[in-house]
Protein backbone atom coordinates (compact mmCIF):
# COMPACT_ATOMS: atom_id res chain seq x y z
CA UNK A 1 -52.41 16.78 -16.73
CA UNK A 2 -49.50 17.03 -14.29
CA UNK A 3 -47.45 14.42 -16.00
CA UNK A 4 -46.07 16.62 -18.76
CA UNK A 5 -45.21 19.67 -16.14
CA UNK A 6 -43.66 17.25 -13.82
CA UNK A 7 -41.46 15.39 -16.42
CA UNK A 8 -40.34 18.98 -17.60
CA UNK A 9 -39.53 19.84 -14.08
CA UNK A 10 -37.48 16.58 -13.67
CA UNK A 11 -35.64 17.09 -16.83
CA UNK A 12 -34.61 20.53 -15.91
CA UNK A 13 -33.53 19.26 -12.33
CA UNK A 14 -31.21 16.59 -14.14
CA UNK A 15 -29.99 19.18 -16.72
CA UNK A 16 -29.20 21.59 -13.75
CA UNK A 17 -27.35 18.93 -11.71
CA UNK A 18 -25.62 17.83 -14.91
CA UNK A 19 -24.49 21.42 -15.62
CA UNK A 20 -23.20 21.98 -12.03
CA UNK A 21 -21.13 18.55 -12.22
CA UNK A 22 -19.95 19.50 -15.85
CA UNK A 23 -18.90 23.09 -14.43
CA UNK A 24 -16.88 21.52 -11.47
CA UNK A 25 -15.41 18.85 -13.72
CA UNK A 26 -14.13 21.79 -16.03
CA UNK A 27 -12.95 23.56 -13.20
CA UNK A 28 -10.69 20.92 -11.89
CA UNK A 29 -9.49 19.90 -15.32
CA UNK A 30 -8.61 23.57 -15.95
CA UNK A 31 -6.69 23.52 -12.47
CA UNK A 32 -4.96 20.31 -13.65
CA UNK A 33 -3.82 22.13 -16.83
CA UNK A 34 -2.24 25.13 -14.99
CA UNK A 35 -0.97 23.16 -11.99
CA UNK A 36 0.54 20.15 -13.74
CA UNK A 37 3.82 20.24 -15.75
CA UNK A 38 3.75 18.71 -19.35
CA UNK A 39 3.16 15.13 -19.53
CA UNK A 40 5.95 12.78 -20.45
CA UNK A 41 6.14 9.65 -22.35
CA UNK A 42 6.18 7.74 -19.13
CA UNK A 43 2.75 9.18 -18.52
CA UNK A 44 1.33 8.48 -21.87
CA UNK A 45 2.76 5.29 -23.29
CA UNK A 46 0.48 2.26 -23.66
CA UNK A 47 2.20 -1.07 -22.75
CA UNK A 48 0.48 -3.80 -24.72
CA UNK A 49 1.88 -6.68 -22.67
CA UNK A 50 0.56 -5.95 -19.24
CA UNK A 51 -1.74 -8.28 -17.61
CA UNK A 52 -5.39 -8.02 -18.08
CA UNK A 53 -7.98 -10.26 -16.14
CA UNK A 54 -10.60 -11.91 -18.44
CA UNK A 55 -11.19 -14.60 -20.93
CA UNK A 56 -7.78 -14.20 -22.46
CA UNK A 57 -5.70 -13.76 -19.21
CA UNK A 58 -2.81 -15.86 -18.04
CA UNK A 59 -4.40 -19.09 -16.36
CA UNK A 60 -1.20 -19.91 -14.22
CA UNK A 61 1.59 -18.26 -12.48
CA UNK A 62 4.29 -19.41 -14.79
CA UNK A 63 2.11 -17.66 -17.70
CA UNK A 64 1.83 -14.52 -15.56
CA UNK A 65 5.66 -14.52 -15.06
CA UNK A 66 6.27 -15.05 -18.91
CA UNK A 67 3.82 -12.30 -19.64
CA UNK A 68 5.85 -10.02 -17.29
CA UNK A 69 9.04 -10.78 -19.01
CA UNK A 70 7.57 -9.69 -22.30
CA UNK A 71 6.16 -6.43 -20.68
CA UNK A 72 9.71 -5.61 -19.60
CA UNK A 73 11.11 -6.21 -22.75
CA UNK A 74 8.41 -3.90 -24.15
CA UNK A 75 9.25 -1.25 -21.74
CA UNK A 76 13.06 -1.20 -22.43
CA UNK A 77 12.24 -1.10 -26.25
CA UNK A 78 9.76 1.76 -26.04
CA UNK A 79 11.39 3.93 -23.26
CA UNK A 80 15.00 2.92 -22.69
CA UNK A 81 16.22 2.38 -26.18
CA UNK A 82 17.59 5.85 -26.70
CA UNK A 83 20.66 6.92 -24.76
CA UNK A 84 19.99 9.56 -22.24
CA UNK A 85 21.15 13.08 -22.95
CA UNK A 86 24.50 14.30 -21.45
CA UNK A 87 24.25 15.52 -18.00
CA UNK A 88 21.15 13.73 -17.25
CA UNK A 89 20.71 13.28 -13.52
CA UNK A 90 21.51 9.94 -11.88
CA UNK A 91 18.03 10.47 -10.07
CA UNK A 92 15.86 10.23 -13.49
CA UNK A 93 14.27 6.96 -13.32
CA UNK A 94 13.48 6.93 -17.08
CA UNK A 95 16.79 8.07 -18.17
CA UNK A 96 18.69 5.23 -19.67
CA UNK A 97 21.77 4.16 -17.78
CA UNK A 98 21.15 6.52 -14.85
CA UNK A 99 21.43 4.80 -11.36
CA UNK A 100 17.61 5.09 -10.72
CA UNK A 101 17.04 3.29 -14.02
CA UNK A 102 19.51 0.84 -13.32
CA UNK A 103 18.15 -0.15 -9.96
CA UNK A 104 14.63 0.10 -11.52
CA UNK A 105 15.49 -2.34 -14.31
CA UNK A 106 18.41 -4.67 -13.09
CA UNK A 107 17.32 -5.52 -9.53
CA UNK A 108 14.19 -7.61 -8.63
CA UNK A 109 12.50 -4.81 -6.68
CA UNK A 110 10.03 -4.11 -9.57
CA UNK A 111 9.72 -7.67 -10.56
CA UNK A 112 7.64 -10.80 -9.57
CA UNK A 113 10.08 -13.11 -8.07
CA UNK A 114 10.32 -16.23 -5.52
CA UNK A 115 12.86 -17.93 -3.38
CA UNK A 116 13.12 -20.27 -0.54
CA UNK A 117 14.65 -23.59 0.65
CA UNK A 118 13.90 -26.95 -1.31
CA UNK A 119 11.61 -28.26 1.45
CA UNK A 120 9.82 -25.17 2.85
CA UNK A 121 8.32 -25.24 6.30
CA UNK A 122 5.64 -22.88 4.68
CA UNK A 123 4.93 -20.53 1.82
CA UNK A 124 4.07 -16.81 1.96
CA UNK A 125 3.00 -14.24 -0.60
CA UNK A 126 3.86 -10.44 -0.57
CA UNK A 127 1.33 -8.04 -2.04
CA UNK A 128 2.72 -4.50 -2.35
CA UNK A 129 0.80 -1.26 -2.20
CA UNK A 130 -0.50 1.19 -4.78
CA UNK A 131 1.96 2.78 -7.04
CA UNK A 132 4.51 0.88 -5.20
CA UNK A 133 6.46 -2.32 -5.92
CA UNK A 134 7.45 -5.78 -4.58
CA UNK A 135 10.34 -3.99 -2.91
CA UNK A 136 8.07 -2.41 -0.30
CA UNK A 137 8.07 -5.86 1.36
CA UNK A 138 11.22 -6.98 0.83
CA UNK A 139 12.40 -7.32 4.32
CA UNK A 140 9.05 -8.92 5.54
CA UNK A 141 9.74 -11.48 2.96
CA UNK A 142 13.07 -12.13 3.75
CA UNK A 143 12.47 -12.33 7.45
CA UNK A 144 10.00 -15.22 6.63
CA UNK A 145 12.42 -16.73 4.03
CA UNK A 146 14.96 -16.90 6.83
CA UNK A 147 12.77 -18.83 9.00
CA UNK A 148 12.24 -21.65 6.43
CA UNK A 149 9.40 -20.20 4.11
CA UNK A 150 9.37 -20.11 0.41
CA UNK A 151 8.35 -16.69 -0.42
CA UNK A 152 6.65 -15.12 -3.46
CA UNK A 153 6.79 -11.50 -4.26
CA UNK A 154 4.05 -10.53 -6.73
CA UNK A 155 3.95 -7.42 -8.96
CA UNK A 156 0.61 -6.16 -9.30
CA UNK A 157 -0.51 -5.20 -12.85
CA UNK A 158 0.15 -1.61 -13.68
CA UNK A 159 3.20 -1.29 -11.12
CA UNK A 160 7.00 -1.30 -11.50
CA UNK A 161 7.14 0.11 -15.04
CA UNK A 162 5.60 3.73 -15.74
CA UNK A 163 3.06 5.47 -13.88
CA UNK A 164 0.94 5.61 -17.00
CA UNK A 165 0.27 2.00 -16.62
CA UNK A 166 -2.06 2.84 -13.75
CA UNK A 167 -4.33 4.88 -16.14
CA UNK A 168 -5.59 1.53 -17.64
CA UNK A 169 -5.64 -0.91 -14.80
CA UNK A 170 -8.51 -2.17 -12.80
CA UNK A 171 -8.85 -3.50 -9.37
CA UNK A 172 -10.02 -6.99 -10.57
CA UNK A 173 -6.87 -7.39 -12.57
CA UNK A 174 -5.08 -7.05 -9.04
CA UNK A 175 -7.47 -9.68 -7.66
CA UNK A 176 -6.85 -12.10 -10.48
CA UNK A 177 -2.99 -11.78 -10.20
CA UNK A 178 -3.40 -12.27 -6.36
CA UNK A 179 -5.43 -15.47 -6.96
CA UNK A 180 -2.84 -16.88 -9.36
CA UNK A 181 0.26 -16.04 -6.75
CA UNK A 182 -1.64 -17.53 -3.67
CA UNK A 183 -2.64 -20.66 -5.61
CA UNK A 184 0.94 -21.12 -6.82
CA UNK A 185 2.21 -20.69 -3.26
CA UNK A 186 -0.20 -23.22 -1.87
CA UNK A 187 0.77 -25.88 -4.59
CA UNK A 188 4.46 -25.73 -3.42
CA UNK A 189 3.78 -26.84 -0.07
CA UNK A 190 0.41 -28.39 0.39
CA UNK A 191 -0.78 -28.80 3.80
CA UNK A 192 1.76 -26.24 5.26
CA UNK A 193 1.28 -22.90 6.49
CA UNK A 194 0.21 -20.35 3.80
CA UNK A 195 0.83 -16.53 4.81
CA UNK A 196 -0.36 -13.73 2.71
CA UNK A 197 1.22 -10.33 3.93
CA UNK A 198 -0.35 -7.07 2.36
CA UNK A 199 0.94 -3.49 2.56
CA UNK A 200 -1.71 -0.88 1.90
CA UNK A 201 -3.67 -1.86 -1.09
CA UNK A 202 -1.92 -4.99 -0.81
CA UNK A 203 -3.76 -5.58 2.47
CA UNK A 204 -6.93 -4.91 1.11
CA UNK A 205 -6.44 -7.48 -1.66
CA UNK A 206 -5.31 -10.05 0.87
CA UNK A 207 -8.32 -9.71 2.87
CA UNK A 208 -10.85 -9.67 -0.12
CA UNK A 209 -9.21 -12.69 -1.48
CA UNK A 210 -9.60 -14.48 1.91
CA UNK A 211 -13.17 -13.42 2.14
CA UNK A 212 -13.99 -14.74 -1.27
CA UNK A 213 -12.13 -17.89 -0.34
CA UNK A 214 -14.58 -18.57 2.32
CA UNK A 215 -17.10 -19.54 -0.31
CA UNK A 216 -14.90 -20.17 -3.41
CA UNK A 217 -13.08 -23.49 -3.05
CA UNK A 218 -11.15 -22.58 -6.19
CA UNK A 219 -9.37 -20.12 -4.24
CA UNK A 220 -6.39 -21.03 -1.95
CA UNK A 221 -7.25 -20.24 1.69
CA UNK A 222 -4.41 -18.33 3.48
CA UNK A 223 -3.74 -19.72 7.14
CA UNK A 224 -2.63 -16.38 8.31
CA UNK A 225 -2.67 -12.79 7.55
CA UNK A 226 0.01 -10.19 8.00
CA UNK A 227 -1.20 -6.69 7.12
CA UNK A 228 0.61 -3.49 6.97
CA UNK A 229 -1.12 -0.11 6.98
CA UNK A 230 -3.97 -2.01 5.21
CA UNK A 231 -6.27 0.16 3.00
CA UNK A 232 -9.64 -0.45 4.52
CA UNK A 233 -11.26 2.85 3.25
CA UNK A 234 -10.43 5.85 1.29
CA UNK A 235 -11.44 9.40 0.65
CA UNK A 236 -14.77 10.12 -1.52
CA UNK A 237 -12.78 12.68 -3.59
CA UNK A 238 -12.01 9.88 -5.99
CA UNK A 239 -15.53 10.28 -7.18
CA UNK A 240 -15.15 13.77 -8.42
CA UNK A 241 -11.75 13.32 -9.86
CA UNK A 242 -13.22 10.24 -11.98
CA UNK A 243 -15.70 12.56 -13.31
CA UNK A 244 -12.99 15.23 -14.40
CA UNK A 245 -10.86 12.39 -15.99
CA UNK A 246 -13.72 12.03 -18.57
CA UNK A 247 -12.45 15.18 -20.04
CA UNK A 248 -8.83 13.63 -20.56
CA UNK A 249 -9.49 12.64 -24.10
CA UNK A 250 -10.38 16.12 -25.39
CA UNK A 251 -7.19 17.85 -27.07
CA UNK A 252 -5.26 19.88 -24.63
CA UNK A 253 -7.00 18.44 -21.50
CA UNK A 254 -4.80 15.27 -21.12
CA UNK A 255 -3.73 16.41 -17.68
CA UNK A 256 -7.25 16.06 -16.28
CA UNK A 257 -6.50 12.38 -16.08
CA UNK A 258 -3.86 12.97 -13.36
CA UNK A 259 -4.12 14.03 -9.75
CA UNK A 260 -0.10 14.58 -9.55
CA UNK A 261 2.42 14.96 -12.15
CA UNK A 262 5.85 14.86 -10.59
CA UNK A 263 9.60 14.07 -11.48
CA UNK A 264 10.24 10.28 -11.18
CA UNK A 265 13.28 9.70 -9.00
CA UNK A 266 12.27 6.69 -6.96
CA UNK A 267 13.25 3.56 -8.82
CA UNK A 268 10.37 1.48 -6.60
CA UNK A 269 7.62 3.94 -6.62
CA UNK A 270 5.55 6.30 -8.89
CA UNK A 271 5.38 9.79 -8.00
CA UNK A 272 2.80 10.74 -10.38
CA UNK A 273 -0.58 9.57 -9.73
CA UNK A 274 -3.35 9.29 -12.11
CA UNK A 275 -7.14 9.59 -11.33
CA UNK A 276 -8.00 5.96 -12.24
CA UNK A 277 -5.66 4.68 -9.55
CA UNK A 278 -7.75 6.61 -6.97
CA UNK A 279 -10.90 5.24 -8.65
CA UNK A 280 -9.62 1.70 -8.55
CA UNK A 281 -8.54 1.81 -4.81
CA UNK A 282 -11.96 3.18 -3.96
CA UNK A 283 -13.61 0.44 -5.79
CA UNK A 284 -11.39 -2.20 -4.34
CA UNK A 285 -12.05 -0.68 -0.72
CA UNK A 286 -16.00 -0.89 -1.45
CA UNK A 287 -15.82 -4.52 -2.60
CA UNK A 288 -14.12 -5.28 0.43
CA UNK A 289 -16.66 -3.43 2.84
CA UNK A 290 -19.51 -5.44 1.06
CA UNK A 291 -17.66 -8.75 1.57
CA UNK A 292 -16.75 -7.86 5.45
CA UNK A 293 -20.56 -7.28 5.92
CA UNK A 294 -21.68 -10.24 4.16
CA UNK A 295 -19.42 -12.43 6.17
CA UNK A 296 -20.69 -10.82 9.37
CA UNK A 297 -24.26 -11.26 8.24
CA UNK A 298 -23.72 -14.92 7.64
CA UNK A 299 -21.42 -15.54 10.85
CA UNK A 300 -18.47 -16.39 8.57
CA UNK A 301 -15.76 -14.55 10.46
CA UNK A 302 -14.92 -17.13 12.75
CA UNK A 303 -13.46 -19.11 9.78
CA UNK A 304 -11.13 -16.38 8.99
CA UNK A 305 -7.29 -17.15 9.42
CA UNK A 306 -5.51 -15.43 12.22
CA UNK A 307 -4.92 -11.64 11.39
CA UNK A 308 -2.03 -9.51 12.56
CA UNK A 309 -2.01 -5.89 11.61
CA UNK A 310 0.56 -2.97 12.14
CA UNK A 311 -0.57 0.49 11.74
CA UNK A 312 0.63 4.11 12.54
CA UNK A 313 -1.74 5.94 14.54
CA UNK A 314 -1.08 8.97 12.21
CA UNK A 315 -1.62 8.08 8.52
CA UNK A 316 -2.91 10.11 5.62
CA UNK A 317 -4.34 6.93 3.95
CA UNK A 318 -6.12 5.02 6.60
CA UNK A 319 -6.51 5.16 10.31
CA UNK A 320 -6.28 2.73 13.30
CA UNK A 321 -9.88 3.55 14.29
CA UNK A 322 -10.79 2.32 10.74
CA UNK A 323 -8.89 -0.71 11.37
CA UNK A 324 -10.43 -1.54 14.84
CA UNK A 325 -14.08 -0.80 13.94
CA UNK A 326 -14.43 -1.98 10.22
CA UNK A 327 -12.22 -4.96 10.58
CA UNK A 328 -11.16 -6.21 14.16
CA UNK A 329 -14.30 -5.74 15.90
CA UNK A 330 -15.99 -8.16 13.16
CA UNK A 331 -13.35 -10.97 14.14
CA UNK A 332 -14.81 -12.66 16.99
CA UNK A 333 -12.73 -15.27 18.27
CA UNK A 334 -9.81 -13.38 19.99
CA UNK A 335 -7.06 -14.79 17.83
CA UNK A 336 -6.18 -11.47 16.27
CA UNK A 337 -3.93 -8.48 17.07
CA UNK A 338 -3.93 -4.90 16.08
CA UNK A 339 -0.42 -3.13 16.67
CA UNK A 340 -0.53 0.66 16.63
CA UNK A 341 2.36 2.68 16.46
CA UNK A 342 1.77 5.91 18.38
CA UNK A 343 3.15 9.50 18.18
CA UNK A 344 6.13 10.60 20.18
CA UNK A 345 4.57 11.87 23.23
CA UNK A 346 7.83 13.24 24.90
CA UNK A 347 6.98 16.31 26.84
CA UNK A 348 9.38 18.35 24.71
CA UNK A 349 7.31 17.52 21.59
CA UNK A 350 3.77 17.37 23.18
CA UNK A 351 2.79 21.05 22.04
CA UNK A 352 3.77 20.46 18.48
CA UNK A 353 1.74 17.23 17.88
CA UNK A 354 -1.68 17.95 16.22
CA UNK A 355 -4.84 17.22 18.50
CA UNK A 356 -6.28 14.74 15.88
CA UNK A 357 -3.85 11.85 16.50
CA UNK A 358 -3.95 12.38 20.39
CA UNK A 359 -7.86 12.21 20.07
CA UNK A 360 -7.73 9.18 17.94
CA UNK A 361 -5.16 7.36 20.43
CA UNK A 362 -7.55 8.30 23.42
CA UNK A 363 -10.44 6.80 21.56
CA UNK A 364 -8.85 3.66 20.92
CA UNK A 365 -7.14 3.20 24.25
CA UNK A 366 -10.23 4.14 26.43
CA UNK A 367 -12.50 1.75 24.63
CA UNK A 368 -14.05 -0.97 26.75
CA UNK A 369 -12.85 -4.57 26.54
CA UNK A 370 -12.26 -5.58 22.97
CA UNK A 371 -12.56 -8.86 21.25
CA UNK A 372 -9.03 -8.84 20.06
CA UNK A 373 -5.51 -7.92 21.29
CA UNK A 374 -4.53 -4.33 21.05
CA UNK A 375 -1.00 -3.28 21.45
CA UNK A 376 0.21 0.24 21.37
CA UNK A 377 3.93 0.96 20.95
CA UNK A 378 4.62 4.12 22.44
CA UNK A 379 6.64 6.48 24.89
CA UNK A 380 7.25 4.50 28.44
CA UNK A 381 6.55 8.09 29.78
CA UNK A 382 6.26 11.73 28.91
CA UNK A 383 9.58 12.34 30.20
CA UNK A 384 11.52 9.61 28.25
CA UNK A 385 11.97 8.76 24.60
CA UNK A 386 12.31 4.97 25.56
CA UNK A 387 9.56 2.94 24.01
CA UNK A 388 7.23 0.39 25.46
CA UNK A 389 4.44 -1.95 24.30
CA UNK A 390 1.02 -1.42 26.09
CA UNK A 391 -1.03 -4.48 25.30
CA UNK A 392 -4.63 -5.35 26.11
CA UNK A 393 -5.49 -8.77 25.88
CA UNK A 394 -9.01 -9.68 24.45
CA UNK A 395 -11.70 -9.05 26.90
CA UNK A 396 -9.46 -6.97 29.00
CA UNK A 397 -9.61 -3.23 29.87
CA UNK A 398 -6.07 -2.73 31.57
CA UNK A 399 -3.12 -2.40 29.44
CA UNK A 400 0.19 -4.21 30.40
CA UNK A 401 3.41 -2.59 29.69
CA UNK A 402 6.61 -4.35 28.42
CA UNK A 403 9.85 -2.93 27.67
CA UNK A 404 11.20 -2.87 24.41
CA UNK A 405 14.70 -1.81 24.57
CA UNK A 406 13.86 0.92 21.88
CA UNK A 407 13.66 4.41 21.68
CA UNK A 408 12.67 7.24 19.31
CA UNK A 409 15.32 8.47 17.31
CA UNK A 410 16.20 12.04 17.34
CA UNK A 411 13.84 14.52 15.54
CA UNK A 412 11.31 11.82 14.70
CA UNK A 413 7.69 12.46 16.00
CA UNK A 414 5.81 9.83 14.26
CA UNK A 415 5.60 6.92 11.83
CA UNK A 416 3.27 7.21 8.93
CA UNK A 417 1.79 5.19 5.92
CA UNK A 418 5.17 4.91 4.24
CA UNK A 419 7.28 3.81 7.20
CA UNK A 420 5.42 0.74 8.81
CA UNK A 421 6.85 -2.30 6.55
CA UNK A 422 10.46 -1.03 6.13
CA UNK A 423 13.54 -1.46 8.78
CA UNK A 424 15.29 1.83 9.74
CA UNK A 425 18.58 0.17 7.98
CA UNK A 426 16.92 -0.22 4.63
CA UNK A 427 19.54 0.68 1.95
CA UNK A 428 16.70 2.73 -0.16
CA UNK A 429 14.24 3.98 2.50
CA UNK A 430 16.01 3.81 5.74
CA UNK A 431 16.70 6.50 8.09
CA UNK A 432 20.17 5.05 8.84
CA UNK A 433 20.66 3.03 5.64
CA UNK A 434 23.16 0.15 5.39
CA UNK A 435 25.11 -0.32 1.97
CA UNK A 436 23.44 -2.43 -0.60
CA UNK A 437 25.46 -5.36 -1.46
CA UNK A 438 25.52 -4.57 -5.23
CA UNK A 439 25.76 -0.83 -4.60
CA UNK A 440 22.50 -0.34 -6.36
CA UNK A 441 20.74 1.94 -3.94
CA UNK A 442 19.59 5.56 -3.44
CA UNK A 443 19.39 6.53 0.29
CA UNK A 444 15.76 8.46 -0.13
CA UNK A 445 14.97 8.11 3.21
CA UNK A 446 18.04 9.39 4.99
CA UNK A 447 16.64 12.88 5.58
CA UNK A 448 15.07 15.87 4.06
CA UNK A 449 17.02 18.52 2.08
CA UNK A 450 17.17 22.00 3.85
CA UNK A 451 16.08 25.19 1.98
CA UNK A 452 13.45 27.57 1.25
CA UNK A 453 9.73 26.21 0.25
CA UNK A 454 9.28 26.68 -3.57
CA UNK A 455 13.01 26.05 -4.51
CA UNK A 456 12.43 22.46 -5.66
CA UNK A 457 9.63 21.12 -8.14
CA UNK A 458 8.78 18.40 -5.12
CA UNK A 459 7.29 19.51 -2.10
CA UNK A 460 9.39 19.54 0.88
CA UNK A 461 7.11 17.63 2.67
CA UNK A 462 7.49 14.79 0.36
CA UNK A 463 11.11 14.43 1.69
CA UNK A 464 10.19 14.90 5.20
CA UNK A 465 7.85 11.82 5.58
CA UNK A 466 9.57 9.19 7.54
CA UNK A 467 9.96 6.05 5.13
CA UNK A 468 11.27 3.44 7.57
CA UNK A 469 10.31 2.11 11.02
CA UNK A 470 12.71 2.29 14.19
CA UNK A 471 10.65 -0.34 15.75
CA UNK A 472 10.57 -2.83 13.08
CA UNK A 473 12.27 -5.34 15.40
CA UNK A 474 8.77 -5.51 17.13
CA UNK A 475 7.31 -6.69 13.74
CA UNK A 476 10.20 -9.34 13.26
CA UNK A 477 9.29 -10.67 16.93
CA UNK A 478 5.54 -11.32 15.93
CA UNK A 479 6.62 -13.12 12.59
CA UNK A 480 8.87 -15.24 14.48
CA UNK A 481 6.34 -15.94 17.09
CA UNK A 482 3.78 -16.94 14.48
CA UNK A 483 6.02 -19.35 12.71
CA UNK A 484 6.84 -20.96 15.80
CA UNK A 485 2.95 -21.25 16.67
CA UNK A 486 2.13 -22.62 13.21
CA UNK A 487 5.05 -25.18 13.19
CA UNK A 488 3.83 -28.82 12.95
């Protein structure tokens, strides 16, 4: 007798929850409609030539590169065929002939490419981050190439073309492309060191590929991982935004598919960000966490290659604590190192630093003996801008200081997610940029414009974020040491 009333109650509960979810989704969609400007062709175009994993996908790296050539030909035809209007800004990435467009199309920064000596001492694959392009690891790859490595820079599907391409990509597409690139690199120098460097989402891809390779012999196994601000975990906000994106097909609600719609002036990075991109990075990090847990349960971590990670203590995407607890504490054999870039703790700035990064640093630095090497790059003292390395060996609780000969630049109080893998003199993103040999560069990292909030269509905070690393030479030192240690 109770079955029907209970069934009706359950149905009502489900309908009530569905109504709440729908109301919230409509609210988010309405907010997106009011907040976002009109969508442009680079938000809505479909590029048919983009790589997709599955039965019909490219089966070799050469096929992947050939498909990418067709993709960029399609991009030129659909978006750049018409000349730009008179007076168009040189900063307009999608205006034919502008400086930003020339950089995006005529340089290798958005394209899969490779270079190295005829007889390399090793091979390396560069995996960029979400909404980025191969350019984000240009210098890391060059450092390895100068030390005798053949380097492959991979453009991940959905990147380097238009932000709208991220509406249709799946994280398994990224994984399939990663497997092709790593296998190709391994075949170029059998038996020699195979490095995989990953930045942000690329770090998650490098880790997940390696964990899968522990069981799957068809996947090439790296001998060393270099991770830069690797995406180990992201916000649960992606769940709700994914629900709101379901409203995007409805007439007038297309903007619901976007978290940000902004002008596109950066030749190598999208400013607009679709909901699907957040959904896919969350799916990737969940798959990575599942593989990490599985490897731990099966005691497989000892078979992992040596991992070196570089992370800013202040990061809007990932935290050093996540790296320490979710990754490094699961790697048991003391070969690995986490390098953390601290905030500027000079006494003159201390009262302006938010308490959260201070507490995060204290929790890491005061932890008991760890199974990995922990190095903190920070002020030599509170009265100095000079920077030292404070290192704790595996199993040790006492840090040892080492001078670096470096110092905090004026008015810089921290690094961040964008800054870690890029040197301070980078032509595009450096705080003190050098000239590009071909002149094709925009000094986007040189400093923030000054003015009143609300005067620009881009938030002032976006310009104020540091995009280069004044301590990049410490990364070079570790790469050089790794190459020397891995030499035959």
